[in-house]
Amino acid sequence: MIKEIRKLSQADLNKMNIDKIIYDAIKHGIIEFIEEMLKYKPGIVWKKDKKGRTIFAHAIVLRQEKIFSLIYNLGARKCIMARRHDIFRNNFLHLAGKLSPPSQLERVSGAALQMQRELQWFK
């Protein structure tokens, strides 16, 4: 898929709504696609959606830890990224402090284990 995307112009990528494709990949935890997109277009780490959230903010909101772990490849830029705010003035810590989506909570059985998982995200 990435080989085909590389053949397309920026106008073609916008026409096919590449941003939605990236956010769908985050939602479903498709880390391979996100890794390849970061190699192909490293600038996507700074791109924000309508709510002012980057791909890493989405990974936090959707509790996709494997995708969020890609932030460690950014080096010093990860500190800058972590301080950014969305349009609601939420940074990464605020987003991590919010409750997980129900689809993620259902993966862990029992309230105590769900609470433990939420605390791990905040840490």
PDB file of N, CA and C in Angstrom:
ATOM      1  N   MET A   1       0.817  -1.191   0.000  1.00  0.00           N
ATOM      2  CA  MET A   1       0.000   0.000   0.000  1.00  0.00           C
ATOM      3  C   MET A   1       0.863   1.259   0.000  1.00  0.00           C
ATOM      4  N   ILE A   2       1.921   1.236   0.789  1.00  0.00           N
ATOM      5  CA  ILE A   2       2.814   2.397   0.852  1.00  0.00           C
ATOM      6  C   ILE A   2       3.491   2.628  -0.490  1.00  0.00           C
ATOM      7  N   LYS A   3       3.838   1.548  -1.193  1.00  0.00           N
ATOM      8  CA  LYS A   3       4.459   1.706  -2.509  1.00  0.00           C
ATOM      9  C   LYS A   3       3.537   2.459  -3.452  1.00  0.00           C
ATOM     10  N   GLU A   4       2.259   2.170  -3.387  1.00  0.00           N
ATOM     11  CA  GLU A   4       1.288   2.853  -4.240  1.00  0.00           C
ATOM     12  C   GLU A   4       1.079   4.293  -3.785  1.00  0.00           C
ATOM     13  N   ILE A   5       1.074   4.525  -2.494  1.00  0.00           N
ATOM     14  CA  ILE A   5       0.889   5.883  -1.973  1.00  0.00           C
ATOM     15  C   ILE A   5       2.049   6.772  -2.395  1.00  0.00           C
ATOM     16  N   ARG A   6       3.244   6.224  -2.440  1.00  0.00           N
ATOM     17  CA  ARG A   6       4.420   7.010  -2.835  1.00  0.00           C
ATOM     18  C   ARG A   6       4.333   7.515  -4.272  1.00  0.00           C
ATOM     19  N   LYS A   7       3.561   6.852  -5.092  1.00  0.00           N
ATOM     20  CA  LYS A   7       3.408   7.252  -6.490  1.00  0.00           C
ATOM     21  C   LYS A   7       2.450   8.429  -6.658  1.00  0.00           C
ATOM     22  N   LEU A   8       1.672   8.725  -5.621  1.00  0.00           N
ATOM     23  CA  LEU A   8       0.641   9.751  -5.715  1.00  0.00           C
ATOM     24  C   LEU A   8       1.174  11.131  -5.352  1.00  0.00           C
ATOM     25  N   SER A   9       0.590  12.153  -5.950  1.00  0.00           N
ATOM     26  CA  SER A   9       0.940  13.532  -5.611  1.00  0.00           C
ATOM     27  C   SER A   9       0.218  13.931  -4.328  1.00  0.00           C
ATOM     28  N   GLN A  10       0.601  15.078  -3.782  1.00  0.00           N
ATOM     29  CA  GLN A  10      -0.054  15.565  -2.573  1.00  0.00           C
ATOM     30  C   GLN A  10      -1.530  15.842  -2.835  1.00  0.00           C
ATOM     31  N   ALA A  11      -1.849  16.334  -4.018  1.00  0.00           N
ATOM     32  CA  ALA A  11      -3.254  16.595  -4.369  1.00  0.00           C
ATOM     33  C   ALA A  11      -4.051  15.291  -4.393  1.00  0.00           C
ATOM     34  N   ASP A  12      -3.444  14.239  -4.928  1.00  0.00           N
ATOM     35  CA  ASP A  12      -4.118  12.935  -4.951  1.00  0.00           C
ATOM     36  C   ASP A  12      -4.315  12.396  -3.533  1.00  0.00           C
ATOM     37  N   LEU A  13      -3.309  12.581  -2.694  1.00  0.00           N
ATOM     38  CA  LEU A  13      -3.416  12.131  -1.306  1.00  0.00           C
ATOM     39  C   LEU A  13      -4.535  12.876  -0.580  1.00  0.00           C
ATOM     40  N   ASN A  14      -4.633  14.171  -0.819  1.00  0.00           N
ATOM     41  CA  ASN A  14      -5.702  14.947  -0.191  1.00  0.00           C
ATOM     42  C   ASN A  14      -7.065  14.511  -0.713  1.00  0.00           C
ATOM     43  N   LYS A  15      -7.126  14.204  -2.007  1.00  0.00           N
ATOM     44  CA  LYS A  15      -8.389  13.791  -2.616  1.00  0.00           C
ATOM     45  C   LYS A  15      -8.878  12.469  -2.026  1.00  0.00           C
ATOM     46  N   MET A  16      -7.949  11.568  -1.743  1.00  0.00           N
ATOM     47  CA  MET A  16      -8.345  10.277  -1.178  1.00  0.00           C
ATOM     48  C   MET A  16      -8.468  10.328   0.346  1.00  0.00           C
ATOM     49  N   ASN A  17      -8.292  11.540   0.905  1.00  0.00           N
ATOM     50  CA  ASN A  17      -8.439  11.775   2.341  1.00  0.00           C
ATOM     51  C   ASN A  17      -7.469  10.920   3.162  1.00  0.00           C
ATOM     52  N   ILE A  18      -6.193  11.115   2.896  1.00  0.00           N
ATOM     53  CA  ILE A  18      -5.142  10.343   3.552  1.00  0.00           C
ATOM     54  C   ILE A  18      -5.156  10.539   5.068  1.00  0.00           C
ATOM     55  N   ASP A  19      -5.579  11.720   5.525  1.00  0.00           N
ATOM     56  CA  ASP A  19      -5.635  11.961   6.972  1.00  0.00           C
ATOM     57  C   ASP A  19      -6.614  11.008   7.641  1.00  0.00           C
ATOM     58  N   LYS A  20      -7.769  10.808   7.038  1.00  0.00           N
ATOM     59  CA  LYS A  20      -8.756   9.874   7.588  1.00  0.00           C
ATOM     60  C   LYS A  20      -8.207   8.454   7.591  1.00  0.00           C
ATOM     61  N   ILE A  21      -7.480   8.101   6.555  1.00  0.00           N
ATOM     62  CA  ILE A  21      -6.883   6.764   6.473  1.00  0.00           C
ATOM     63  C   ILE A  21      -5.877   6.569   7.614  1.00  0.00           C
ATOM     64  N   ILE A  22      -5.073   7.591   7.865  1.00  0.00           N
ATOM     65  CA  ILE A  22      -4.090   7.515   8.951  1.00  0.00           C
ATOM     66  C   ILE A  22      -4.792   7.377  10.298  1.00  0.00           C
ATOM     67  N   TYR A  23      -5.834   8.188  10.530  1.00  0.00           N
ATOM     68  CA  TYR A  23      -6.545   8.119  11.810  1.00  0.00           C
ATOM     69  C   TYR A  23      -7.305   6.806  11.962  1.00  0.00           C
ATOM     70  N   ASP A  24      -7.791   6.248  10.873  1.00  0.00           N
ATOM     71  CA  ASP A  24      -8.426   4.924  10.937  1.00  0.00           C
ATOM     72  C   ASP A  24      -7.395   3.859  11.294  1.00  0.00           C
ATOM     73  N   ALA A  25      -6.183   3.985  10.743  1.00  0.00           N
ATOM     74  CA  ALA A  25      -5.115   3.035  11.076  1.00  0.00           C
ATOM     75  C   ALA A  25      -4.758   3.127  12.558  1.00  0.00           C
ATOM     76  N   ILE A  26      -4.759   4.340  13.097  1.00  0.00           N
ATOM     77  CA  ILE A  26      -4.498   4.509  14.527  1.00  0.00           C
ATOM     78  C   ILE A  26      -5.613   3.855  15.330  1.00  0.00           C
ATOM     79  N   LYS A  27      -6.841   4.130  14.951  1.00  0.00           N
ATOM     80  CA  LYS A  27      -8.006   3.583  15.667  1.00  0.00           C
ATOM     81  C   LYS A  27      -7.951   2.066  15.750  1.00  0.00           C
ATOM     82  N   HIS A  28      -7.503   1.428  14.669  1.00  0.00           N
ATOM     83  CA  HIS A  28      -7.468  -0.035  14.628  1.00  0.00           C
ATOM     84  C   HIS A  28      -6.103  -0.605  15.017  1.00  0.00           C
ATOM     85  N   GLY A  29      -5.174   0.258  15.402  1.00  0.00           N
ATOM     86  CA  GLY A  29      -3.873  -0.197  15.893  1.00  0.00           C
ATOM     87  C   GLY A  29      -2.980  -0.796  14.827  1.00  0.00           C
ATOM     88  N   ILE A  30      -3.063  -0.305  13.607  1.00  0.00           N
ATOM     89  CA  ILE A  30      -2.249  -0.838  12.506  1.00  0.00           C
ATOM     90  C   ILE A  30      -0.908  -0.095  12.502  1.00  0.00           C
ATOM     91  N   ILE A  31      -0.032  -0.562  13.354  1.00  0.00           N
ATOM     92  CA  ILE A  31       1.247   0.110  13.578  1.00  0.00           C
ATOM     93  C   ILE A  31       2.144   0.082  12.336  1.00  0.00           C
ATOM     94  N   GLU A  32       2.087  -0.990  11.559  1.00  0.00           N
ATOM     95  CA  GLU A  32       2.949  -1.108  10.377  1.00  0.00           C
ATOM     96  C   GLU A  32       2.675   0.029   9.391  1.00  0.00           C
ATOM     97  N   PHE A  33       1.406   0.354   9.197  1.00  0.00           N
ATOM     98  CA  PHE A  33       1.044   1.434   8.275  1.00  0.00           C
ATOM     99  C   PHE A  33       1.553   2.773   8.794  1.00  0.00           C
ATOM    100  N   ILE A  34       1.369   3.008  10.092  1.00  0.00           N
ATOM    101  CA  ILE A  34       1.810   4.277  10.678  1.00  0.00           C
ATOM    102  C   ILE A  34       3.330   4.401  10.607  1.00  0.00           C
ATOM    103  N   GLU A  35       4.042   3.317  10.883  1.00  0.00           N
ATOM    104  CA  GLU A  35       5.512   3.342  10.788  1.00  0.00           C
ATOM    105  C   GLU A  35       5.961   3.708   9.382  1.00  0.00           C
ATOM    106  N   GLU A  36       5.355   3.090   8.395  1.00  0.00           N
ATOM    107  CA  GLU A  36       5.726   3.359   7.002  1.00  0.00           C
ATOM    108  C   GLU A  36       5.369   4.788   6.591  1.00  0.00           C
ATOM    109  N   MET A  37       4.237   5.276   7.061  1.00  0.00           N
ATOM    110  CA  MET A  37       3.858   6.657   6.753  1.00  0.00           C
ATOM    111  C   MET A  37       4.828   7.643   7.399  1.00  0.00           C
ATOM    112  N   LEU A  38       5.293   7.336   8.602  1.00  0.00           N
ATOM    113  CA  LEU A  38       6.264   8.213   9.259  1.00  0.00           C
ATOM    114  C   LEU A  38       7.597   8.218   8.511  1.00  0.00           C
ATOM    115  N   LYS A  39       7.961   7.089   7.933  1.00  0.00           N
ATOM    116  CA  LYS A  39       9.182   7.039   7.122  1.00  0.00           C
ATOM    117  C   LYS A  39       9.001   7.822   5.831  1.00  0.00           C
ATOM    118  N   TYR A  40       7.834   7.667   5.219  1.00  0.00           N
ATOM    119  CA  TYR A  40       7.557   8.307   3.937  1.00  0.00           C
ATOM    120  C   TYR A  40       7.316   9.807   4.081  1.00  0.00           C
ATOM    121  N   LYS A  41       6.552  10.190   5.080  1.00  0.00           N
ATOM    122  CA  LYS A  41       6.226  11.603   5.318  1.00  0.00           C
ATOM    123  C   LYS A  41       6.430  11.924   6.797  1.00  0.00           C
ATOM    124  N   PRO A  42       7.669  12.166   7.219  1.00  0.00           N
ATOM    125  CA  PRO A  42       7.933  12.424   8.636  1.00  0.00           C
ATOM    126  C   PRO A  42       7.181  13.637   9.187  1.00  0.00           C
ATOM    127  N   GLY A  43       6.793  14.536   8.316  1.00  0.00           N
ATOM    128  CA  GLY A  43       6.082  15.738   8.746  1.00  0.00           C
ATOM    129  C   GLY A  43       4.685  15.480   9.286  1.00  0.00           C
ATOM    130  N   ILE A  44       4.165  14.265   9.105  1.00  0.00           N
ATOM    131  CA  ILE A  44       2.805  13.999   9.598  1.00  0.00           C
ATOM    132  C   ILE A  44       2.731  14.026  11.121  1.00  0.00           C
ATOM    133  N   VAL A  45       3.876  13.952  11.793  1.00  0.00           N
ATOM    134  CA  VAL A  45       3.838  14.015  13.261  1.00  0.00           C
ATOM    135  C   VAL A  45       3.344  15.375  13.740  1.00  0.00           C
ATOM    136  N   TRP A  46       3.499  16.420  12.919  1.00  0.00           N
ATOM    137  CA  TRP A  46       3.085  17.770  13.314  1.00  0.00           C
ATOM    138  C   TRP A  46       1.693  18.120  12.805  1.00  0.00           C
ATOM    139  N   LYS A  47       1.161  17.328  11.908  1.00  0.00           N
ATOM    140  CA  LYS A  47      -0.141  17.619  11.313  1.00  0.00           C
ATOM    141  C   LYS A  47      -1.241  17.439  12.356  1.00  0.00           C
ATOM    142  N   LYS A  48      -2.156  18.412  12.386  1.00  0.00           N
ATOM    143  CA  LYS A  48      -3.247  18.364  13.363  1.00  0.00           C
ATOM    144  C   LYS A  48      -4.580  18.198  12.650  1.00  0.00           C
ATOM    145  N   ASP A  49      -5.519  17.593  13.351  1.00  0.00           N
ATOM    146  CA  ASP A  49      -6.869  17.456  12.809  1.00  0.00           C
ATOM    147  C   ASP A  49      -7.707  18.664  13.214  1.00  0.00           C
ATOM    148  N   LYS A  50      -9.010  18.580  13.016  1.00  0.00           N
ATOM    149  CA  LYS A  50      -9.909  19.700  13.326  1.00  0.00           C
ATOM    150  C   LYS A  50      -9.919  20.051  14.808  1.00  0.00           C
ATOM    151  N   LYS A  51      -9.623  19.072  15.654  1.00  0.00           N
ATOM    152  CA  LYS A  51      -9.591  19.326  17.103  1.00  0.00           C
ATOM    153  C   LYS A  51      -8.198  19.733  17.580  1.00  0.00           C
ATOM    154  N   GLY A  52      -7.253  19.857  16.650  1.00  0.00           N
ATOM    155  CA  GLY A  52      -5.905  20.256  17.007  1.00  0.00           C
ATOM    156  C   GLY A  52      -5.068  19.136  17.576  1.00  0.00           C
ATOM    157  N   ARG A  53      -5.433  17.895  17.271  1.00  0.00           N
ATOM    158  CA  ARG A  53      -4.712  16.735  17.809  1.00  0.00           C
ATOM    159  C   ARG A  53      -3.823  16.103  16.753  1.00  0.00           C
ATOM    160  N   THR A  54      -2.633  15.717  17.188  1.00  0.00           N
ATOM    161  CA  THR A  54      -1.683  15.041  16.318  1.00  0.00           C
ATOM    162  C   THR A  54      -1.952  13.532  16.338  1.00  0.00           C
ATOM    163  N   ILE A  55      -1.165  12.793  15.557  1.00  0.00           N
ATOM    164  CA  ILE A  55      -1.372  11.340  15.531  1.00  0.00           C
ATOM    165  C   ILE A  55      -1.080  10.715  16.891  1.00  0.00           C
ATOM    166  N   PHE A  56      -0.140  11.290  17.636  1.00  0.00           N
ATOM    167  CA  PHE A  56       0.180  10.732  18.944  1.00  0.00           C
ATOM    168  C   PHE A  56      -0.909  11.056  19.967  1.00  0.00           C
ATOM    169  N   ALA A  57      -1.532  12.211  19.834  1.00  0.00           N
ATOM    170  CA  ALA A  57      -2.665  12.541  20.708  1.00  0.00           C
ATOM    171  C   ALA A  57      -3.813  11.569  20.441  1.00  0.00           C
ATOM    172  N   HIS A  58      -4.020  11.235  19.175  1.00  0.00           N
ATOM    173  CA  HIS A  58      -5.057  10.257  18.849  1.00  0.00           C
ATOM    174  C   HIS A  58      -4.713   8.884  19.415  1.00  0.00           C
ATOM    175  N   ALA A  59      -3.452   8.526  19.363  1.00  0.00           N
ATOM    176  CA  ALA A  59      -3.035   7.233  19.923  1.00  0.00           C
ATOM    177  C   ALA A  59      -3.316   7.181  21.418  1.00  0.00           C
ATOM    178  N   ILE A  60      -3.150   8.297  22.107  1.00  0.00           N
ATOM    179  CA  ILE A  60      -3.450   8.348  23.544  1.00  0.00           C
ATOM    180  C   ILE A  60      -4.946   8.231  23.777  1.00  0.00           C
ATOM    181  N   VAL A  61      -5.724   9.031  23.063  1.00  0.00           N
ATOM    182  CA  VAL A  61      -7.178   9.028  23.242  1.00  0.00           C
ATOM    183  C   VAL A  61      -7.755   7.643  22.978  1.00  0.00           C
ATOM    184  N   LEU A  62      -7.228   6.985  21.934  1.00  0.00           N
ATOM    185  CA  LEU A  62      -7.742   5.664  21.552  1.00  0.00           C
ATOM    186  C   LEU A  62      -7.001   4.523  22.241  1.00  0.00           C
ATOM    187  N   ARG A  63      -6.055   4.863  23.112  1.00  0.00           N
ATOM    188  CA  ARG A  63      -5.292   3.897  23.902  1.00  0.00           C
ATOM    189  C   ARG A  63      -4.583   2.860  23.029  1.00  0.00           C
ATOM    190  N   GLN A  64      -3.871   3.354  22.037  1.00  0.00           N
ATOM    191  CA  GLN A  64      -3.088   2.502  21.153  1.00  0.00           C
ATOM    192  C   GLN A  64      -1.607   2.650  21.529  1.00  0.00           C
ATOM    193  N   GLU A  65      -1.195   1.863  22.518  1.00  0.00           N
ATOM    194  CA  GLU A  65       0.149   2.028  23.073  1.00  0.00           C
ATOM    195  C   GLU A  65       1.260   1.730  22.083  1.00  0.00           C
ATOM    196  N   LYS A  66       1.072   0.789  21.182  1.00  0.00           N
ATOM    197  CA  LYS A  66       2.127   0.480  20.214  1.00  0.00           C
ATOM    198  C   LYS A  66       2.364   1.659  19.277  1.00  0.00           C
ATOM    199  N   ILE A  67       1.301   2.312  18.889  1.00  0.00           N
ATOM    200  CA  ILE A  67       1.447   3.479  18.021  1.00  0.00           C
ATOM    201  C   ILE A  67       2.048   4.639  18.804  1.00  0.00           C
ATOM    202  N   PHE A  68       1.592   4.836  20.037  1.00  0.00           N
ATOM    203  CA  PHE A  68       2.162   5.912  20.849  1.00  0.00           C
ATOM    204  C   PHE A  68       3.654   5.680  21.090  1.00  0.00           C
ATOM    205  N   SER A  69       4.077   4.429  21.202  1.00  0.00           N
ATOM    206  CA  SER A  69       5.502   4.148  21.468  1.00  0.00           C
ATOM    207  C   SER A  69       6.404   4.637  20.336  1.00  0.00           C
ATOM    208  N   LEU A  70       5.849   4.909  19.168  1.00  0.00           N
ATOM    209  CA  LEU A  70       6.653   5.445  18.059  1.00  0.00           C
ATOM    210  C   LEU A  70       7.177   6.840  18.364  1.00  0.00           C
ATOM    211  N   ILE A  71       6.602   7.498  19.363  1.00  0.00           N
ATOM    212  CA  ILE A  71       7.052   8.845  19.734  1.00  0.00           C
ATOM    213  C   ILE A  71       8.492   8.815  20.239  1.00  0.00           C
ATOM    214  N   TYR A  72       8.929   7.679  20.770  1.00  0.00           N
ATOM    215  CA  TYR A  72      10.295   7.580  21.292  1.00  0.00           C
ATOM    216  C   TYR A  72      11.339   7.641  20.182  1.00  0.00           C
ATOM    217  N   ASN A  73      10.926   7.424  18.937  1.00  0.00           N
ATOM    218  CA  ASN A  73      11.846   7.531  17.800  1.00  0.00           C
ATOM    219  C   ASN A  73      12.085   8.981  17.397  1.00  0.00           C
ATOM    220  N   LEU A  74      11.354   9.911  17.981  1.00  0.00           N
ATOM    221  CA  LEU A  74      11.470  11.319  17.600  1.00  0.00           C
ATOM    222  C   LEU A  74      12.620  12.038  18.288  1.00  0.00           C
ATOM    223  N   GLY A  75      13.213  11.423  19.287  1.00  0.00           N
ATOM    224  CA  GLY A  75      14.313  12.056  20.009  1.00  0.00           C
ATOM    225  C   GLY A  75      13.837  13.259  20.796  1.00  0.00           C
ATOM    226  N   ALA A  76      14.544  14.385  20.663  1.00  0.00           N
ATOM    227  CA  ALA A  76      14.222  15.598  21.428  1.00  0.00           C
ATOM    228  C   ALA A  76      12.881  16.197  21.002  1.00  0.00           C
ATOM    229  N   ARG A  77      12.447  15.901  19.787  1.00  0.00           N
ATOM    230  CA  ARG A  77      11.170  16.453  19.312  1.00  0.00           C
ATOM    231  C   ARG A  77       9.980  15.940  20.120  1.00  0.00           C
ATOM    232  N   LYS A  78      10.146  14.803  20.802  1.00  0.00           N
ATOM    233  CA  LYS A  78       9.027  14.262  21.582  1.00  0.00           C
ATOM    234  C   LYS A  78       8.652  15.192  22.729  1.00  0.00           C
ATOM    235  N   CYS A  79       9.617  15.908  23.297  1.00  0.00           N
ATOM    236  CA  CYS A  79       9.322  16.851  24.379  1.00  0.00           C
ATOM    237  C   CYS A  79       8.487  18.019  23.864  1.00  0.00           C
ATOM    238  N   ILE A  80       8.814  18.493  22.685  1.00  0.00           N
ATOM    239  CA  ILE A  80       8.035  19.572  22.071  1.00  0.00           C
ATOM    240  C   ILE A  80       6.630  19.079  21.779  1.00  0.00           C
ATOM    241  N   MET A  81       6.541  17.875  21.244  1.00  0.00           N
ATOM    242  CA  MET A  81       5.254  17.283  20.886  1.00  0.00           C
ATOM    243  C   MET A  81       4.371  17.122  22.132  1.00  0.00           C
ATOM    244  N   ALA A  82       4.956  16.699  23.236  1.00  0.00           N
ATOM    245  CA  ALA A  82       4.190  16.443  24.459  1.00  0.00           C
ATOM    246  C   ALA A  82       3.611  17.723  25.061  1.00  0.00           C
ATOM    247  N   ARG A  83       4.212  18.865  24.786  1.00  0.00           N
ATOM    248  CA  ARG A  83       3.744  20.128  25.345  1.00  0.00           C
ATOM    249  C   ARG A  83       2.644  20.786  24.516  1.00  0.00           C
ATOM    250  N   ARG A  84       2.396  20.281  23.341  1.00  0.00           N
ATOM    251  CA  ARG A  84       1.382  20.884  22.469  1.00  0.00           C
ATOM    252  C   ARG A  84      -0.013  20.660  23.026  1.00  0.00           C
ATOM    253  N   HIS A  85      -0.898  21.580  22.707  1.00  0.00           N
ATOM    254  CA  HIS A  85      -2.284  21.527  23.177  1.00  0.00           C
ATOM    255  C   HIS A  85      -3.240  21.404  21.997  1.00  0.00           C
ATOM    256  N   ASP A  86      -4.387  20.793  22.258  1.00  0.00           N
ATOM    257  CA  ASP A  86      -5.432  20.774  21.237  1.00  0.00           C
ATOM    258  C   ASP A  86      -6.299  22.023  21.417  1.00  0.00           C
ATOM    259  N   ILE A  87      -7.383  22.130  20.675  1.00  0.00           N
ATOM    260  CA  ILE A  87      -8.214  23.341  20.745  1.00  0.00           C
ATOM    261  C   ILE A  87      -8.928  23.475  22.095  1.00  0.00           C
ATOM    262  N   PHE A  88      -8.976  22.392  22.857  1.00  0.00           N
ATOM    263  CA  PHE A  88      -9.594  22.420  24.181  1.00  0.00           C
ATOM    264  C   PHE A  88      -8.570  22.670  25.283  1.00  0.00           C
ATOM    265  N   ARG A  89      -7.323  22.996  24.876  1.00  0.00           N
ATOM    266  CA  ARG A  89      -6.198  23.245  25.783  1.00  0.00           C
ATOM    267  C   ARG A  89      -5.761  21.992  26.529  1.00  0.00           C
ATOM    268  N   ASN A  90      -5.972  20.820  25.944  1.00  0.00           N
ATOM    269  CA  ASN A  90      -5.539  19.557  26.544  1.00  0.00           C
ATOM    270  C   ASN A  90      -4.188  19.156  25.967  1.00  0.00           C
ATOM    271  N   ASN A  91      -3.243  18.817  26.844  1.00  0.00           N
ATOM    272  CA  ASN A  91      -1.981  18.253  26.377  1.00  0.00           C
ATOM    273  C   ASN A  91      -2.051  16.731  26.540  1.00  0.00           C
ATOM    274  N   PHE A  92      -0.944  16.041  26.348  1.00  0.00           N
ATOM    275  CA  PHE A  92      -0.940  14.580  26.415  1.00  0.00           C
ATOM    276  C   PHE A  92      -1.392  14.063  27.780  1.00  0.00           C
ATOM    277  N   LEU A  93      -0.983  14.720  28.844  1.00  0.00           N
ATOM    278  CA  LEU A  93      -1.370  14.259  30.182  1.00  0.00           C
ATOM    279  C   LEU A  93      -2.873  14.384  30.403  1.00  0.00           C
ATOM    280  N   HIS A  94      -3.451  15.471  29.920  1.00  0.00           N
ATOM    281  CA  HIS A  94      -4.900  15.625  30.041  1.00  0.00           C
ATOM    282  C   HIS A  94      -5.622  14.513  29.291  1.00  0.00           C
ATOM    283  N   LEU A  95      -5.142  14.221  28.085  1.00  0.00           N
ATOM    284  CA  LEU A  95      -5.788  13.183  27.267  1.00  0.00           C
ATOM    285  C   LEU A  95      -5.651  11.804  27.914  1.00  0.00           C
ATOM    286  N   ALA A  96      -4.485  11.547  28.513  1.00  0.00           N
ATOM    287  CA  ALA A  96      -4.275  10.256  29.175  1.00  0.00           C
ATOM    288  C   ALA A  96      -5.127  10.133  30.432  1.00  0.00           C
ATOM    289  N   GLY A  97      -5.447  11.274  31.046  1.00  0.00           N
ATOM    290  CA  GLY A  97      -6.251  11.265  32.259  1.00  0.00           C
ATOM    291  C   GLY A  97      -7.732  11.022  32.023  1.00  0.00           C
ATOM    292  N   LYS A  98      -8.156  11.122  30.759  1.00  0.00           N
ATOM    293  CA  LYS A  98      -9.567  10.873  30.445  1.00  0.00           C
ATOM    294  C   LYS A  98      -9.807   9.374  30.325  1.00  0.00           C
ATOM    295  N   LEU A  99     -11.040   8.980  30.539  1.00  0.00           N
ATOM    296  CA  LEU A  99     -11.409   7.573  30.478  1.00  0.00           C
ATOM    297  C   LEU A  99     -11.259   7.022  29.065  1.00  0.00           C
ATOM    298  N   SER A 100     -10.805   5.797  28.960  1.00  0.00           N
ATOM    299  CA  SER A 100     -10.649   5.122  27.671  1.00  0.00           C
ATOM    300  C   SER A 100     -11.983   4.972  26.965  1.00  0.00           C
ATOM    301  N   PRO A 101     -11.950   4.835  25.641  1.00  0.00           N
ATOM    302  CA  PRO A 101     -13.194   4.528  24.927  1.00  0.00           C
ATOM    303  C   PRO A 101     -13.728   3.167  25.382  1.00  0.00           C
ATOM    304  N   PRO A 102     -15.040   2.989  25.398  1.00  0.00           N
ATOM    305  CA  PRO A 102     -15.617   1.709  25.841  1.00  0.00           C
ATOM    306  C   PRO A 102     -15.058   0.496  25.102  1.00  0.00           C
ATOM    307  N   SER A 103     -14.750   0.653  23.821  1.00  0.00           N
ATOM    308  CA  SER A 103     -14.216  -0.480  23.059  1.00  0.00           C
ATOM    309  C   SER A 103     -12.881  -0.957  23.623  1.00  0.00           C
ATOM    310  N   GLN A 104     -12.087  -0.038  24.166  1.00  0.00           N
ATOM    311  CA  GLN A 104     -10.809  -0.415  24.769  1.00  0.00           C
ATOM    312  C   GLN A 104     -11.008  -0.991  26.171  1.00  0.00           C
ATOM    313  N   LEU A 105     -11.940  -0.432  26.918  1.00  0.00           N
ATOM    314  CA  LEU A 105     -12.194  -0.936  28.272  1.00  0.00           C
ATOM    315  C   LEU A 105     -12.733  -2.360  28.243  1.00  0.00           C
ATOM    316  N   GLU A 106     -13.524  -2.677  27.240  1.00  0.00           N
ATOM    317  CA  GLU A 106     -14.121  -4.015  27.142  1.00  0.00           C
ATOM    318  C   GLU A 106     -13.085  -5.105  26.924  1.00  0.00           C
ATOM    319  N   ARG A 107     -11.917  -4.736  26.452  1.00  0.00           N
ATOM    320  CA  ARG A 107     -10.859  -5.730  26.206  1.00  0.00           C
ATOM    321  C   ARG A 107     -10.310  -6.309  27.501  1.00  0.00           C
ATOM    322  N   VAL A 108     -10.443  -5.556  28.588  1.00  0.00           N
ATOM    323  CA  VAL A 108      -9.930  -5.985  29.886  1.00  0.00           C
ATOM    324  C   VAL A 108     -11.128  -6.297  30.774  1.00  0.00           C
ATOM    325  N   SER A 109     -11.166  -7.518  31.294  1.00  0.00           N
ATOM    326  CA  SER A 109     -12.312  -7.901  32.128  1.00  0.00           C
ATOM    327  C   SER A 109     -12.082  -7.494  33.574  1.00  0.00           C
ATOM    328  N   GLY A 110     -13.129  -7.035  34.204  1.00  0.00           N
ATOM    329  CA  GLY A 110     -13.058  -6.676  35.615  1.00  0.00           C
ATOM    330  C   GLY A 110     -12.697  -5.223  35.831  1.00  0.00           C
ATOM    331  N   ALA A 111     -13.402  -4.604  36.739  1.00  0.00           N
ATOM    332  CA  ALA A 111     -13.204  -3.181  37.017  1.00  0.00           C
ATOM    333  C   ALA A 111     -11.802  -2.890  37.557  1.00  0.00           C
ATOM    334  N   ALA A 112     -11.278  -3.776  38.399  1.00  0.00           N
ATOM    335  CA  ALA A 112      -9.951  -3.545  38.985  1.00  0.00           C
ATOM    336  C   ALA A 112      -8.867  -3.557  37.910  1.00  0.00           C
ATOM    337  N   LEU A 113      -8.951  -4.487  36.977  1.00  0.00           N
ATOM    338  CA  LEU A 113      -7.965  -4.549  35.901  1.00  0.00           C
ATOM    339  C   LEU A 113      -8.115  -3.362  34.945  1.00  0.00           C
ATOM    340  N   GLN A 114      -9.355  -2.934  34.728  1.00  0.00           N
ATOM    341  CA  GLN A 114      -9.575  -1.754  33.884  1.00  0.00           C
ATOM    342  C   GLN A 114      -8.955  -0.520  34.533  1.00  0.00           C
ATOM    343  N   MET A 115      -9.144  -0.396  35.836  1.00  0.00           N
ATOM    344  CA  MET A 115      -8.568   0.732  36.575  1.00  0.00           C
ATOM    345  C   MET A 115      -7.040   0.691  36.503  1.00  0.00           C
ATOM    346  N   GLN A 116      -6.464  -0.498  36.658  1.00  0.00           N
ATOM    347  CA  GLN A 116      -5.012  -0.649  36.586  1.00  0.00           C
ATOM    348  C   GLN A 116      -4.487  -0.216  35.218  1.00  0.00           C
ATOM    349  N   ARG A 117      -5.197  -0.613  34.183  1.00  0.00           N
ATOM    350  CA  ARG A 117      -4.797  -0.251  32.816  1.00  0.00           C
ATOM    351  C   ARG A 117      -4.861   1.262  32.611  1.00  0.00           C
ATOM    352  N   GLU A 118      -5.900   1.885  33.125  1.00  0.00           N
ATOM    353  CA  GLU A 118      -6.026   3.337  33.019  1.00  0.00           C
ATOM    354  C   GLU A 118      -4.891   4.055  33.763  1.00  0.00           C
ATOM    355  N   LEU A 119      -4.531   3.542  34.923  1.00  0.00           N
ATOM    356  CA  LEU A 119      -3.425   4.146  35.688  1.00  0.00           C
ATOM    357  C   LEU A 119      -2.099   3.983  34.950  1.00  0.00           C
ATOM    358  N   GLN A 120      -1.911   2.854  34.289  1.00  0.00           N
ATOM    359  CA  GLN A 120      -0.688   2.638  33.522  1.00  0.00           C
ATOM    360  C   GLN A 120      -0.585   3.661  32.396  1.00  0.00           C
ATOM    361  N   TRP A 121      -1.699   3.967  31.771  1.00  0.00           N
ATOM    362  CA  TRP A 121      -1.680   4.961  30.709  1.00  0.00           C
ATOM    363  C   TRP A 121      -1.295   6.321  31.253  1.00  0.00           C
ATOM    364  N   PHE A 122      -1.836   6.675  32.383  1.00  0.00           N
ATOM    365  CA  PHE A 122      -1.527   7.986  32.931  1.00  0.00           C
ATOM    366  C   PHE A 122      -0.058   8.083  33.330  1.00  0.00           C
ATOM    367  N   LYS A 123       0.499   6.981  33.884  1.00  0.00           N
ATOM    368  CA  LYS A 123       1.911   6.990  34.253  1.00  0.00           C
ATOM    369  C   LYS A 123       2.767   7.103  33.020  1.00  0.00           C
TER     370      LYS A 123
END
